[in-house]
């Protein structure tokens, strides 16, 4: 009898204990307070409002589960449910995503939003889906600008200059198109390379310029905004296929709302970061973007045509149409 009384008490305790939802593991490459982490906090709140108790959202911060490339591989395997990624990181699987990294393909945030909420975004989302990446939203990290120990006001100023480049063929090619000598280096090597003269310049977002203290070695930032760093919010196909249609809608909606907050926070972070660097002696130089755009326009056309990628060409065309309203 004692056993059955204990068993009955155990059942009663289970009934009285709120059930934990399925664990949803999501990741951020950054720590608390950064937009990449706040994104998931907003997402978690929205999911809990829409689907109370359905998920236990676990946010793993600081890149504890690996860098962006490792995260992408884990998303494909299903060991991570959701993450944020730069578009460049996913071009291994979705090469047409390189369209978003082309110089001066975008006029600014409004154009980005218009393009990615239209046919260009739809094409890319379908391409990501084909590679087992479910992308309900895009995010805007910020614009990249040229930094060095002197101003680069026109493209001619880069002629013969040694420039640190991202380790991506597109980036190496566009620096060469400007007459510069690109050297691919990991970001962890950039400060030292600028300090000891291995490179004379590089490009970076304002927040990276501040966070990595690059202003100490490259005190002048020329506001070229030649590339906008764009990312995706993406989920594992394994995770997604286990959801009902209503749950998929709720997850997508939560991600889209969190993306809006991310974009606001990221824009504020860029401005605040530049202000901090200026207070520490950095100089911001405004430049006329038209000569830069004119110098790089042939490169963009050649890159797209020489790629032989019809889908890349279609995405670029859709982005341009979103600018002109055609």
C-alpha atoms as a PDB file:
ATOM      1  CA  UNK A   1       0.000   0.000   0.000  1.00  0.00           C
ATOM      2  CA  UNK A   2       2.861   2.352   0.841  1.00  0.00           C
ATOM      3  CA  UNK A   3       4.180   1.930  -2.694  1.00  0.00           C
ATOM      4  CA  UNK A   4       0.852   2.828  -4.270  1.00  0.00           C
ATOM      5  CA  UNK A   5       0.463   5.854  -1.980  1.00  0.00           C
ATOM      6  CA  UNK A   6       3.943   7.035  -3.022  1.00  0.00           C
ATOM      7  CA  UNK A   7       3.116   6.386  -6.655  1.00  0.00           C
ATOM      8  CA  UNK A   8      -0.081   8.427  -6.348  1.00  0.00           C
ATOM      9  CA  UNK A   9       1.832  11.291  -4.746  1.00  0.00           C
ATOM     10  CA  UNK A  10       4.399  11.144  -7.582  1.00  0.00           C
ATOM     11  CA  UNK A  11       1.637  11.341 -10.195  1.00  0.00           C
ATOM     12  CA  UNK A  12       0.073  14.276  -8.377  1.00  0.00           C
ATOM     13  CA  UNK A  13       3.397  16.118  -8.305  1.00  0.00           C
ATOM     14  CA  UNK A  14       3.877  15.584 -12.046  1.00  0.00           C
ATOM     15  CA  UNK A  15       0.387  16.893 -12.727  1.00  0.00           C
ATOM     16  CA  UNK A  16       1.065  19.969 -10.591  1.00  0.00           C
ATOM     17  CA  UNK A  17       4.465  20.732 -12.189  1.00  0.00           C
ATOM     18  CA  UNK A  18       4.309  22.908 -15.327  1.00  0.00           C
ATOM     19  CA  UNK A  19       5.657  20.970 -18.297  1.00  0.00           C
ATOM     20  CA  UNK A  20       8.788  22.386 -19.893  1.00  0.00           C
ATOM     21  CA  UNK A  21       8.530  22.911 -23.613  1.00  0.00           C
ATOM     22  CA  UNK A  22      10.799  21.395 -26.225  1.00  0.00           C
ATOM     23  CA  UNK A  23      14.306  22.803 -26.026  1.00  0.00           C
ATOM     24  CA  UNK A  24      15.144  25.188 -28.870  1.00  0.00           C
ATOM     25  CA  UNK A  25      18.894  25.840 -29.020  1.00  0.00           C
ATOM     26  CA  UNK A  26      19.862  29.133 -30.654  1.00  0.00           C
ATOM     27  CA  UNK A  27      23.248  30.825 -30.809  1.00  0.00           C
ATOM     28  CA  UNK A  28      24.904  34.232 -30.783  1.00  0.00           C
ATOM     29  CA  UNK A  29      28.531  34.964 -31.639  1.00  0.00           C
ATOM     30  CA  UNK A  30      28.472  37.797 -29.107  1.00  0.00           C
ATOM     31  CA  UNK A  31      27.867  38.287 -25.401  1.00  0.00           C
ATOM     32  CA  UNK A  32      25.019  39.848 -23.408  1.00  0.00           C
ATOM     33  CA  UNK A  33      23.790  43.257 -24.468  1.00  0.00           C
ATOM     34  CA  UNK A  34      24.962  43.038 -28.076  1.00  0.00           C
ATOM     35  CA  UNK A  35      22.301  43.224 -30.823  1.00  0.00           C
ATOM     36  CA  UNK A  36      23.040  39.638 -31.907  1.00  0.00           C
ATOM     37  CA  UNK A  37      22.132  38.377 -28.419  1.00  0.00           C
ATOM     38  CA  UNK A  38      19.275  40.810 -27.804  1.00  0.00           C
ATOM     39  CA  UNK A  39      17.756  39.514 -31.040  1.00  0.00           C
ATOM     40  CA  UNK A  40      17.241  36.087 -29.462  1.00  0.00           C
ATOM     41  CA  UNK A  41      15.924  37.564 -26.214  1.00  0.00           C
ATOM     42  CA  UNK A  42      13.254  39.443 -28.170  1.00  0.00           C
ATOM     43  CA  UNK A  43      12.548  36.314 -30.207  1.00  0.00           C
ATOM     44  CA  UNK A  44      12.152  34.241 -27.021  1.00  0.00           C
ATOM     45  CA  UNK A  45       9.695  36.754 -25.560  1.00  0.00           C
ATOM     46  CA  UNK A  46       7.592  36.789 -28.726  1.00  0.00           C
ATOM     47  CA  UNK A  47       7.528  32.989 -28.957  1.00  0.00           C
ATOM     48  CA  UNK A  48       6.497  32.675 -25.310  1.00  0.00           C
ATOM     49  CA  UNK A  49       3.666  35.126 -25.944  1.00  0.00           C
ATOM     50  CA  UNK A  50       2.481  33.358 -29.091  1.00  0.00           C
ATOM     51  CA  UNK A  51       3.036  29.745 -27.937  1.00  0.00           C
ATOM     52  CA  UNK A  52       3.098  29.710 -24.126  1.00  0.00           C
ATOM     53  CA  UNK A  53       5.079  26.764 -22.788  1.00  0.00           C
ATOM     54  CA  UNK A  54       5.737  25.264 -26.219  1.00  0.00           C
ATOM     55  CA  UNK A  55       9.494  25.964 -26.291  1.00  0.00           C
ATOM     56  CA  UNK A  56      12.310  26.336 -23.819  1.00  0.00           C
ATOM     57  CA  UNK A  57      14.536  28.707 -25.808  1.00  0.00           C
ATOM     58  CA  UNK A  58      18.181  28.219 -24.816  1.00  0.00           C
ATOM     59  CA  UNK A  59      20.459  31.059 -25.980  1.00  0.00           C
ATOM     60  CA  UNK A  60      24.121  30.028 -26.249  1.00  0.00           C
ATOM     61  CA  UNK A  61      26.289  33.171 -26.398  1.00  0.00           C
ATOM     62  CA  UNK A  62      29.878  34.114 -27.114  1.00  0.00           C
ATOM     63  CA  UNK A  63      30.303  31.692 -30.009  1.00  0.00           C
ATOM     64  CA  UNK A  64      30.497  28.840 -27.509  1.00  0.00           C
ATOM     65  CA  UNK A  65      29.350  26.330 -30.137  1.00  0.00           C
ATOM     66  CA  UNK A  66      31.840  27.487 -32.766  1.00  0.00           C
ATOM     67  CA  UNK A  67      32.233  30.232 -35.329  1.00  0.00           C
ATOM     68  CA  UNK A  68      29.802  31.061 -38.099  1.00  0.00           C
ATOM     69  CA  UNK A  69      30.993  28.242 -40.351  1.00  0.00           C
ATOM     70  CA  UNK A  70      30.650  25.669 -37.552  1.00  0.00           C
ATOM     71  CA  UNK A  71      27.199  27.001 -36.729  1.00  0.00           C
ATOM     72  CA  UNK A  72      26.090  26.621 -40.340  1.00  0.00           C
ATOM     73  CA  UNK A  73      27.261  23.023 -40.401  1.00  0.00           C
ATOM     74  CA  UNK A  74      25.472  22.344 -37.102  1.00  0.00           C
ATOM     75  CA  UNK A  75      22.276  23.917 -38.468  1.00  0.00           C
ATOM     76  CA  UNK A  76      22.420  21.519 -41.422  1.00  0.00           C
ATOM     77  CA  UNK A  77      22.941  18.589 -39.060  1.00  0.00           C
ATOM     78  CA  UNK A  78      20.151  19.752 -36.759  1.00  0.00           C
ATOM     79  CA  UNK A  79      22.289  20.030 -33.606  1.00  0.00           C
ATOM     80  CA  UNK A  80      21.581  23.787 -33.492  1.00  0.00           C
ATOM     81  CA  UNK A  81      18.044  24.983 -34.157  1.00  0.00           C
ATOM     82  CA  UNK A  82      18.619  28.651 -34.986  1.00  0.00           C
ATOM     83  CA  UNK A  83      21.395  31.177 -35.535  1.00  0.00           C
ATOM     84  CA  UNK A  84      22.340  34.439 -37.218  1.00  0.00           C
ATOM     85  CA  UNK A  85      24.873  34.504 -40.037  1.00  0.00           C
ATOM     86  CA  UNK A  86      26.521  36.918 -42.404  1.00  0.00           C
ATOM     87  CA  UNK A  87      25.520  36.265 -45.997  1.00  0.00           C
ATOM     88  CA  UNK A  88      29.180  35.789 -46.942  1.00  0.00           C
ATOM     89  CA  UNK A  89      29.440  32.829 -44.553  1.00  0.00           C
ATOM     90  CA  UNK A  90      26.707  30.938 -46.402  1.00  0.00           C
ATOM     91  CA  UNK A  91      27.943  31.495 -49.966  1.00  0.00           C
ATOM     92  CA  UNK A  92      29.614  28.069 -49.783  1.00  0.00           C
ATOM     93  CA  UNK A  93      26.106  26.637 -50.073  1.00  0.00           C
ATOM     94  CA  UNK A  94      24.218  29.548 -51.656  1.00  0.00           C
ATOM     95  CA  UNK A  95      26.616  31.388 -54.005  1.00  0.00           C
ATOM     96  CA  UNK A  96      23.906  33.728 -55.268  1.00  0.00           C
ATOM     97  CA  UNK A  97      23.885  35.250 -51.795  1.00  0.00           C
ATOM     98  CA  UNK A  98      27.060  37.051 -52.906  1.00  0.00           C
ATOM     99  CA  UNK A  99      24.748  39.481 -54.692  1.00  0.00           C
ATOM    100  CA  UNK A 100      24.159  41.164 -51.341  1.00  0.00           C
ATOM    101  CA  UNK A 101      27.915  41.709 -50.898  1.00  0.00           C
ATOM    102  CA  UNK A 102      28.453  43.491 -54.207  1.00  0.00           C
ATOM    103  CA  UNK A 103      29.760  47.056 -53.823  1.00  0.00           C
ATOM    104  CA  UNK A 104      27.146  49.789 -54.127  1.00  0.00           C
ATOM    105  CA  UNK A 105      24.396  47.307 -54.929  1.00  0.00           C
ATOM    106  CA  UNK A 106      22.353  49.023 -52.210  1.00  0.00           C
ATOM    107  CA  UNK A 107      21.666  52.707 -51.615  1.00  0.00           C
ATOM    108  CA  UNK A 108      20.995  52.245 -47.909  1.00  0.00           C
ATOM    109  CA  UNK A 109      18.733  50.549 -45.341  1.00  0.00           C
ATOM    110  CA  UNK A 110      15.450  51.510 -47.030  1.00  0.00           C
ATOM    111  CA  UNK A 111      16.602  50.008 -50.317  1.00  0.00           C
ATOM    112  CA  UNK A 112      17.802  46.864 -48.525  1.00  0.00           C
ATOM    113  CA  UNK A 113      14.436  46.368 -46.851  1.00  0.00           C
ATOM    114  CA  UNK A 114      12.546  47.014 -50.106  1.00  0.00           C
ATOM    115  CA  UNK A 115      14.695  44.539 -52.039  1.00  0.00           C
ATOM    116  CA  UNK A 116      14.710  41.758 -49.477  1.00  0.00           C
ATOM    117  CA  UNK A 117      10.979  41.975 -48.823  1.00  0.00           C
ATOM    118  CA  UNK A 118      10.374  41.567 -52.559  1.00  0.00           C
ATOM    119  CA  UNK A 119      11.421  39.196 -55.369  1.00  0.00           C
ATOM    120  CA  UNK A 120      15.158  39.341 -54.515  1.00  0.00           C
ATOM    121  CA  UNK A 121      14.461  38.164 -50.986  1.00  0.00           C
ATOM    122  CA  UNK A 122      12.021  35.509 -52.174  1.00  0.00           C
ATOM    123  CA  UNK A 123      14.605  34.046 -54.557  1.00  0.00           C
ATOM    124  CA  UNK A 124      17.273  33.927 -51.875  1.00  0.00           C
ATOM    125  CA  UNK A 125      14.946  32.408 -49.287  1.00  0.00           C
ATOM    126  CA  UNK A 126      14.094  29.634 -51.753  1.00  0.00           C
ATOM    127  CA  UNK A 127      17.800  29.057 -52.443  1.00  0.00           C
ATOM    128  CA  UNK A 128      18.569  28.817 -48.721  1.00  0.00           C
ATOM    129  CA  UNK A 129      15.659  26.417 -48.268  1.00  0.00           C
ATOM    130  CA  UNK A 130      17.154  24.146 -50.932  1.00  0.00           C
ATOM    131  CA  UNK A 131      20.271  23.897 -48.741  1.00  0.00           C
ATOM    132  CA  UNK A 132      18.267  23.079 -45.581  1.00  0.00           C
ATOM    133  CA  UNK A 133      18.432  26.631 -44.205  1.00  0.00           C
ATOM    134  CA  UNK A 134      15.053  28.133 -43.297  1.00  0.00           C
ATOM    135  CA  UNK A 135      15.335  31.928 -43.512  1.00  0.00           C
ATOM    136  CA  UNK A 136      12.317  33.906 -42.261  1.00  0.00           C
ATOM    137  CA  UNK A 137      14.152  37.245 -41.969  1.00  0.00           C
ATOM    138  CA  UNK A 138      17.207  39.260 -43.010  1.00  0.00           C
ATOM    139  CA  UNK A 139      19.153  41.618 -40.744  1.00  0.00           C
ATOM    140  CA  UNK A 140      21.394  44.637 -41.387  1.00  0.00           C
ATOM    141  CA  UNK A 141      24.707  44.738 -39.525  1.00  0.00           C
ATOM    142  CA  UNK A 142      25.867  48.073 -40.983  1.00  0.00           C
ATOM    143  CA  UNK A 143      27.904  49.627 -43.761  1.00  0.00           C
ATOM    144  CA  UNK A 144      31.593  48.996 -44.411  1.00  0.00           C
ATOM    145  CA  UNK A 145      33.916  51.988 -44.749  1.00  0.00           C
ATOM    146  CA  UNK A 146      37.586  52.405 -45.699  1.00  0.00           C
ATOM    147  CA  UNK A 147      39.976  53.020 -42.787  1.00  0.00           C
ATOM    148  CA  UNK A 148      43.667  53.944 -42.761  1.00  0.00           C
ATOM    149  CA  UNK A 149      46.118  56.557 -41.527  1.00  0.00           C
ATOM    150  CA  UNK A 150      44.928  59.004 -44.190  1.00  0.00           C
ATOM    151  CA  UNK A 151      41.656  59.818 -45.924  1.00  0.00           C
ATOM    152  CA  UNK A 152      40.568  57.917 -49.039  1.00  0.00           C
ATOM    153  CA  UNK A 153      38.250  60.424 -50.640  1.00  0.00           C
ATOM    154  CA  UNK A 154      38.246  59.018 -54.185  1.00  0.00           C
ATOM    155  CA  UNK A 155      38.921  55.582 -55.674  1.00  0.00           C
ATOM    156  CA  UNK A 156      42.175  56.924 -57.120  1.00  0.00           C
ATOM    157  CA  UNK A 157      43.501  57.263 -53.573  1.00  0.00           C
ATOM    158  CA  UNK A 158      43.634  53.448 -53.350  1.00  0.00           C
ATOM    159  CA  UNK A 159      45.865  53.001 -56.375  1.00  0.00           C
ATOM    160  CA  UNK A 160      48.852  50.883 -55.302  1.00  0.00           C
ATOM    161  CA  UNK A 161      47.734  50.774 -51.672  1.00  0.00           C
ATOM    162  CA  UNK A 162      48.058  47.476 -49.793  1.00  0.00           C
ATOM    163  CA  UNK A 163      44.634  46.652 -48.358  1.00  0.00           C
ATOM    164  CA  UNK A 164      43.555  43.973 -45.927  1.00  0.00           C
ATOM    165  CA  UNK A 165      40.736  42.037 -47.562  1.00  0.00           C
ATOM    166  CA  UNK A 166      38.166  39.606 -46.308  1.00  0.00           C
ATOM    167  CA  UNK A 167      39.020  36.018 -47.212  1.00  0.00           C
ATOM    168  CA  UNK A 168      36.471  35.939 -50.037  1.00  0.00           C
ATOM    169  CA  UNK A 169      37.057  35.995 -53.796  1.00  0.00           C
ATOM    170  CA  UNK A 170      34.522  38.777 -54.345  1.00  0.00           C
ATOM    171  CA  UNK A 171      36.262  41.117 -51.915  1.00  0.00           C
ATOM    172  CA  UNK A 172      39.731  40.400 -53.294  1.00  0.00           C
ATOM    173  CA  UNK A 173      38.444  41.083 -56.812  1.00  0.00           C
ATOM    174  CA  UNK A 174      36.813  44.418 -56.096  1.00  0.00           C
ATOM    175  CA  UNK A 175      39.901  45.776 -54.313  1.00  0.00           C
ATOM    176  CA  UNK A 176      41.955  44.851 -57.370  1.00  0.00           C
ATOM    177  CA  UNK A 177      39.407  46.606 -59.567  1.00  0.00           C
ATOM    178  CA  UNK A 178      40.177  49.787 -57.626  1.00  0.00           C
ATOM    179  CA  UNK A 179      43.914  49.389 -58.239  1.00  0.00           C
ATOM    180  CA  UNK A 180      44.711  48.300 -54.673  1.00  0.00           C
ATOM    181  CA  UNK A 181      46.858  45.342 -53.647  1.00  0.00           C
ATOM    182  CA  UNK A 182      44.612  43.123 -51.486  1.00  0.00           C
ATOM    183  CA  UNK A 183      46.063  40.879 -48.801  1.00  0.00           C
ATOM    184  CA  UNK A 184      43.709  38.386 -47.157  1.00  0.00           C
ATOM    185  CA  UNK A 185      44.054  38.301 -43.391  1.00  0.00           C
ATOM    186  CA  UNK A 186      41.912  37.035 -40.552  1.00  0.00           C
ATOM    187  CA  UNK A 187      40.307  39.849 -38.590  1.00  0.00           C
ATOM    188  CA  UNK A 188      42.401  38.870 -35.569  1.00  0.00           C
ATOM    189  CA  UNK A 189      45.519  39.858 -37.546  1.00  0.00           C
ATOM    190  CA  UNK A 190      44.198  43.193 -38.836  1.00  0.00           C
ATOM    191  CA  UNK A 191      45.281  45.429 -35.945  1.00  0.00           C
ATOM    192  CA  UNK A 192      48.863  44.177 -36.032  1.00  0.00           C
ATOM    193  CA  UNK A 193      49.025  44.386 -39.820  1.00  0.00           C
ATOM    194  CA  UNK A 194      47.890  48.010 -39.779  1.00  0.00           C
ATOM    195  CA  UNK A 195      50.246  48.865 -36.913  1.00  0.00           C
ATOM    196  CA  UNK A 196      53.378  47.454 -38.507  1.00  0.00           C
ATOM    197  CA  UNK A 197      52.656  48.541 -42.067  1.00  0.00           C
ATOM    198  CA  UNK A 198      51.923  45.127 -43.559  1.00  0.00           C
ATOM    199  CA  UNK A 199      48.733  46.751 -44.856  1.00  0.00           C
ATOM    200  CA  UNK A 200      47.867  50.429 -45.239  1.00  0.00           C
ATOM    201  CA  UNK A 201      44.089  50.232 -45.196  1.00  0.00           C
ATOM    202  CA  UNK A 202      41.077  47.960 -44.863  1.00  0.00           C
ATOM    203  CA  UNK A 203      37.315  48.227 -44.632  1.00  0.00           C
ATOM    204  CA  UNK A 204      35.194  47.770 -41.544  1.00  0.00           C
ATOM    205  CA  UNK A 205      31.867  48.680 -39.976  1.00  0.00           C
ATOM    206  CA  UNK A 206      31.932  51.490 -37.423  1.00  0.00           C
ATOM    207  CA  UNK A 207      31.125  49.106 -34.585  1.00  0.00           C
ATOM    208  CA  UNK A 208      34.029  46.837 -35.554  1.00  0.00           C
ATOM    209  CA  UNK A 209      36.297  49.865 -35.891  1.00  0.00           C
ATOM    210  CA  UNK A 210      35.557  50.681 -32.264  1.00  0.00           C
ATOM    211  CA  UNK A 211      35.359  47.189 -30.756  1.00  0.00           C
ATOM    212  CA  UNK A 212      38.664  46.041 -32.285  1.00  0.00           C
ATOM    213  CA  UNK A 213      40.372  49.381 -31.471  1.00  0.00           C
ATOM    214  CA  UNK A 214      41.400  49.677 -35.102  1.00  0.00           C
ATOM    215  CA  UNK A 215      41.238  53.460 -34.814  1.00  0.00           C
ATOM    216  CA  UNK A 216      44.502  53.285 -32.860  1.00  0.00           C
ATOM    217  CA  UNK A 217      46.324  51.963 -35.939  1.00  0.00           C
ATOM    218  CA  UNK A 218      44.088  53.502 -38.630  1.00  0.00           C
ATOM    219  CA  UNK A 219      42.853  56.830 -37.251  1.00  0.00           C
ATOM    220  CA  UNK A 220      40.896  57.989 -40.314  1.00  0.00           C
ATOM    221  CA  UNK A 221      37.575  56.499 -41.407  1.00  0.00           C
ATOM    222  CA  UNK A 222      36.384  57.526 -44.867  1.00  0.00           C
ATOM    223  CA  UNK A 223      32.607  57.070 -45.072  1.00  0.00           C
ATOM    224  CA  UNK A 224      32.381  55.167 -48.327  1.00  0.00           C
ATOM    225  CA  UNK A 225      29.581  52.782 -47.282  1.00  0.00           C
ATOM    226  CA  UNK A 226      30.606  50.734 -50.314  1.00  0.00           C
ATOM    227  CA  UNK A 227      29.194  47.469 -48.960  1.00  0.00           C
ATOM    228  CA  UNK A 228      26.334  46.882 -46.547  1.00  0.00           C
ATOM    229  CA  UNK A 229      26.937  43.896 -44.283  1.00  0.00           C
ATOM    230  CA  UNK A 230      23.728  41.866 -44.358  1.00  0.00           C
ATOM    231  CA  UNK A 231      22.858  38.720 -42.487  1.00  0.00           C
ATOM    232  CA  UNK A 232      20.172  36.086 -42.255  1.00  0.00           C
ATOM    233  CA  UNK A 233      18.144  34.650 -39.416  1.00  0.00           C
ATOM    234  CA  UNK A 234      18.056  30.959 -40.128  1.00  0.00           C
ATOM    235  CA  UNK A 235      16.737  27.738 -38.667  1.00  0.00           C
ATOM    236  CA  UNK A 236      17.452  24.072 -39.187  1.00  0.00           C
ATOM    237  CA  UNK A 237      15.253  22.174 -41.641  1.00  0.00           C
ATOM    238  CA  UNK A 238      15.101  19.361 -39.053  1.00  0.00           C
ATOM    239  CA  UNK A 239      13.687  21.742 -36.453  1.00  0.00           C
ATOM    240  CA  UNK A 240      11.346  23.450 -38.896  1.00  0.00           C
ATOM    241  CA  UNK A 241       9.839  20.260 -40.304  1.00  0.00           C
ATOM    242  CA  UNK A 242       8.845  19.196 -36.792  1.00  0.00           C
ATOM    243  CA  UNK A 243       6.584  22.230 -36.385  1.00  0.00           C
ATOM    244  CA  UNK A 244       2.944  22.539 -37.279  1.00  0.00           C
ATOM    245  CA  UNK A 245       1.982  25.189 -39.831  1.00  0.00           C
ATOM    246  CA  UNK A 246       0.733  27.444 -37.027  1.00  0.00           C
ATOM    247  CA  UNK A 247       3.993  27.013 -35.116  1.00  0.00           C
ATOM    248  CA  UNK A 248       6.026  27.788 -38.234  1.00  0.00           C
ATOM    249  CA  UNK A 249       4.048  31.013 -38.660  1.00  0.00           C
ATOM    250  CA  UNK A 250       4.673  31.939 -35.015  1.00  0.00           C
ATOM    251  CA  UNK A 251       8.421  31.283 -35.264  1.00  0.00           C
ATOM    252  CA  UNK A 252       8.672  33.267 -38.511  1.00  0.00           C
ATOM    253  CA  UNK A 253       6.690  36.155 -37.054  1.00  0.00           C
ATOM    254  CA  UNK A 254       8.823  36.225 -33.888  1.00  0.00           C
ATOM    255  CA  UNK A 255      11.999  36.245 -36.000  1.00  0.00           C
ATOM    256  CA  UNK A 256      10.716  39.086 -38.171  1.00  0.00           C
ATOM    257  CA  UNK A 257       9.798  41.190 -35.133  1.00  0.00           C
ATOM    258  CA  UNK A 258      13.180  40.506 -33.546  1.00  0.00           C
ATOM    259  CA  UNK A 259      14.889  41.465 -36.828  1.00  0.00           C
ATOM    260  CA  UNK A 260      13.266  44.898 -36.714  1.00  0.00           C
ATOM    261  CA  UNK A 261      14.613  45.405 -33.200  1.00  0.00           C
ATOM    262  CA  UNK A 262      18.036  44.130 -34.256  1.00  0.00           C
ATOM    263  CA  UNK A 263      18.214  46.619 -37.138  1.00  0.00           C
ATOM    264  CA  UNK A 264      17.334  49.479 -34.807  1.00  0.00           C
ATOM    265  CA  UNK A 265      19.891  48.429 -32.217  1.00  0.00           C
ATOM    266  CA  UNK A 266      22.607  47.783 -34.808  1.00  0.00           C
ATOM    267  CA  UNK A 267      22.110  51.237 -36.374  1.00  0.00           C
ATOM    268  CA  UNK A 268      22.301  52.861 -32.930  1.00  0.00           C
ATOM    269  CA  UNK A 269      25.408  50.819 -32.154  1.00  0.00           C
ATOM    270  CA  UNK A 270      27.154  52.027 -35.330  1.00  0.00           C
ATOM    271  CA  UNK A 271      26.505  55.664 -34.503  1.00  0.00           C
ATOM    272  CA  UNK A 272      27.517  55.309 -30.857  1.00  0.00           C
ATOM    273  CA  UNK A 273      30.681  53.417 -31.797  1.00  0.00           C
ATOM    274  CA  UNK A 274      31.802  56.135 -34.212  1.00  0.00           C
ATOM    275  CA  UNK A 275      31.179  58.798 -31.608  1.00  0.00           C
ATOM    276  CA  UNK A 276      33.366  56.907 -29.138  1.00  0.00           C
ATOM    277  CA  UNK A 277      36.220  56.578 -31.617  1.00  0.00           C
ATOM    278  CA  UNK A 278      36.061  60.279 -32.464  1.00  0.00           C
ATOM    279  CA  UNK A 279      36.290  61.090 -28.768  1.00  0.00           C
ATOM    280  CA  UNK A 280      39.473  59.011 -28.707  1.00  0.00           C
ATOM    281  CA  UNK A 281      41.037  60.869 -31.615  1.00  0.00           C
ATOM    282  CA  UNK A 282      39.663  59.159 -34.724  1.00  0.00           C
ATOM    283  CA  UNK A 283      38.660  61.280 -37.693  1.00  0.00           C
ATOM    284  CA  UNK A 284      35.563  60.738 -39.806  1.00  0.00           C
ATOM    285  CA  UNK A 285      35.748  61.969 -43.408  1.00  0.00           C
ATOM    286  CA  UNK A 286      32.663  62.354 -45.582  1.00  0.00           C
ATOM    287  CA  UNK A 287      33.147  61.335 -49.209  1.00  0.00           C
ATOM    288  CA  UNK A 288      31.150  61.709 -52.393  1.00  0.00           C
ATOM    289  CA  UNK A 289      29.954  58.178 -53.214  1.00  0.00           C
ATOM    290  CA  UNK A 290      29.353  58.875 -56.909  1.00  0.00           C
ATOM    291  CA  UNK A 291      33.000  58.484 -58.079  1.00  0.00           C
ATOM    292  CA  UNK A 292      33.244  55.241 -56.091  1.00  0.00           C
ATOM    293  CA  UNK A 293      30.020  53.934 -57.559  1.00  0.00           C
ATOM    294  CA  UNK A 294      31.143  54.864 -61.074  1.00  0.00           C
ATOM    295  CA  UNK A 295      34.509  53.177 -60.568  1.00  0.00           C
ATOM    296  CA  UNK A 296      32.960  49.940 -59.329  1.00  0.00           C
ATOM    297  CA  UNK A 297      29.952  49.740 -61.657  1.00  0.00           C
ATOM    298  CA  UNK A 298      31.925  47.962 -64.439  1.00  0.00           C
ATOM    299  CA  UNK A 299      33.311  45.529 -61.873  1.00  0.00           C
ATOM    300  CA  UNK A 300      29.810  44.599 -60.688  1.00  0.00           C
ATOM    301  CA  UNK A 301      28.574  44.056 -64.241  1.00  0.00           C
ATOM    302  CA  UNK A 302      31.634  41.951 -65.118  1.00  0.00           C
ATOM    303  CA  UNK A 303      31.405  39.925 -61.910  1.00  0.00           C
ATOM    304  CA  UNK A 304      27.777  39.021 -62.536  1.00  0.00           C
ATOM    305  CA  UNK A 305      28.231  38.196 -66.227  1.00  0.00           C
ATOM    306  CA  UNK A 306      31.437  36.218 -65.713  1.00  0.00           C
ATOM    307  CA  UNK A 307      29.927  34.174 -62.890  1.00  0.00           C
ATOM    308  CA  UNK A 308      27.638  32.452 -65.380  1.00  0.00           C
ATOM    309  CA  UNK A 309      25.141  32.137 -62.522  1.00  0.00           C
ATOM    310  CA  UNK A 310      21.669  32.881 -63.851  1.00  0.00           C
ATOM    311  CA  UNK A 311      20.208  32.990 -60.353  1.00  0.00           C
ATOM    312  CA  UNK A 312      22.826  35.496 -59.166  1.00  0.00           C
ATOM    313  CA  UNK A 313      21.991  37.654 -62.179  1.00  0.00           C
ATOM    314  CA  UNK A 314      18.267  37.411 -61.391  1.00  0.00           C
ATOM    315  CA  UNK A 315      18.817  38.442 -57.758  1.00  0.00           C
ATOM    316  CA  UNK A 316      20.941  41.425 -58.815  1.00  0.00           C
ATOM    317  CA  UNK A 317      18.264  42.451 -61.298  1.00  0.00           C
ATOM    318  CA  UNK A 318      15.581  42.264 -58.620  1.00  0.00           C
ATOM    319  CA  UNK A 319      17.691  44.363 -56.239  1.00  0.00           C
ATOM    320  CA  UNK A 320      18.185  47.018 -58.886  1.00  0.00           C
ATOM    321  CA  UNK A 321      14.474  47.016 -59.702  1.00  0.00           C
ATOM    322  CA  UNK A 322      13.688  47.666 -56.052  1.00  0.00           C
ATOM    323  CA  UNK A 323      15.854  50.789 -56.264  1.00  0.00           C
ATOM    324  CA  UNK A 324      14.356  52.161 -59.453  1.00  0.00           C
ATOM    325  CA  UNK A 325      10.800  51.043 -58.827  1.00  0.00           C
ATOM    326  CA  UNK A 326      10.752  49.309 -62.216  1.00  0.00           C
END
